[in-house]
Amino acid sequence: ALTNHGVTFAEGAAVFDGRGAHIELAPNPVKDALNGDFTVALWVHTEAELTDTLGDLVSAFDPDTRRGLNFGFMNYHG
């Protein structure tokens, strides 16, 4: 099951607000993905001048197996 937490869709893309909007998958699909092959594809746009930190794009964790993934990006001044 998929739960949308404030994500909007426009012109064929998911639009996240950069604060709290996210899409949540039920535990079983996440656990299944962590135990097999899967693909994540993202196209990320940020403003040229950033005033806040960036962060996680995709994260998942299975506490039973203590396996997971975290895919994110950072912005460093300079």
Protein backbone atom coordinates (compact mmCIF):
# COMPACT_ATOMS: atom_id res chain seq x y z
CA ALA A 1 0.00 0.00 0.00
CA LEU A 2 1.08 3.53 -0.75
CA THR A 3 0.25 6.57 1.40
CA ASN A 4 0.66 10.09 0.02
CA HIS A 5 1.68 12.68 2.61
CA GLY A 6 1.25 16.04 0.86
CA VAL A 7 2.83 15.22 -2.51
CA THR A 8 1.16 16.87 -5.50
CA PHE A 9 1.39 15.79 -9.12
CA ALA A 10 1.88 18.22 -12.01
CA GLU A 11 2.97 17.72 -15.61
CA GLY A 12 3.79 14.05 -15.07
CA ALA A 13 5.99 14.64 -12.03
CA ALA A 14 5.63 14.27 -8.28
CA VAL A 15 6.16 17.61 -6.53
CA PHE A 16 7.45 17.55 -2.94
CA ASP A 17 7.37 20.68 -0.76
CA GLY A 18 10.87 20.13 0.62
CA ARG A 19 9.62 20.05 4.20
CA GLY A 20 7.23 17.25 5.07
CA ALA A 21 5.77 15.88 1.87
CA HIS A 22 6.62 12.24 1.28
CA ILE A 23 5.28 8.99 -0.11
CA GLU A 24 5.21 6.06 2.29
CA LEU A 25 5.21 2.41 1.30
CA ALA A 26 3.81 -0.30 3.55
CA PRO A 27 6.47 -2.38 5.35
CA ASN A 28 6.08 -5.55 3.25
CA PRO A 29 6.93 -3.95 -0.14
CA VAL A 30 9.93 -2.22 1.44
CA LYS A 31 11.13 -5.47 3.01
CA ASP A 32 10.63 -7.30 -0.31
CA ALA A 33 12.61 -4.63 -2.17
CA LEU A 34 15.49 -4.78 0.29
CA ASN A 35 15.73 -8.55 -0.24
CA GLY A 36 15.83 -8.46 -4.04
CA ASP A 37 16.61 -6.36 -7.07
CA PHE A 38 14.90 -2.99 -7.43
CA THR A 39 15.36 0.30 -9.23
CA VAL A 40 15.04 3.87 -8.01
CA ALA A 41 14.88 6.66 -10.57
CA LEU A 42 14.76 10.33 -9.61
CA TRP A 43 14.95 13.66 -11.35
CA VAL A 44 15.65 16.34 -8.74
CA HIS A 45 15.43 20.10 -9.23
CA THR A 46 16.64 22.62 -6.68
CA GLU A 47 16.92 26.36 -6.83
CA ALA A 48 20.32 27.72 -7.91
CA GLU A 49 20.73 29.57 -4.60
CA LEU A 50 19.92 27.40 -1.58
CA THR A 51 19.20 28.72 1.91
CA ASP A 52 18.49 25.38 3.54
CA THR A 53 20.08 21.96 3.73
CA LEU A 54 19.12 19.21 1.33
CA GLY A 55 18.67 15.68 2.54
CA ASP A 56 17.17 12.25 2.03
CA LEU A 57 15.63 11.33 -1.29
CA VAL A 58 14.94 7.65 -0.61
CA SER A 59 15.36 5.78 2.64
CA ALA A 60 14.27 2.38 3.89
CA PHE A 61 15.22 0.21 6.82
CA ASP A 62 14.21 -3.29 7.94
CA PRO A 63 14.76 -3.53 11.71
CA ASP A 64 14.46 -7.34 11.66
CA THR A 65 17.42 -7.84 9.34
CA ARG A 66 19.09 -4.51 10.19
CA ARG A 67 19.45 -3.82 6.47
CA GLY A 68 18.49 -0.71 4.60
CA LEU A 69 19.44 2.07 2.29
CA ASN A 70 19.70 5.82 2.41
CA PHE A 71 20.06 7.86 -0.76
CA GLY A 72 20.36 11.59 -0.38
CA PHE A 73 22.34 14.62 -1.38
CA MET A 74 24.01 17.53 0.32
CA ASN A 75 24.77 21.15 -0.46
CA TYR A 76 28.11 22.49 0.73
CA HIS A 77 28.85 26.21 0.76
CA GLY A 78 31.57 27.31 -1.61
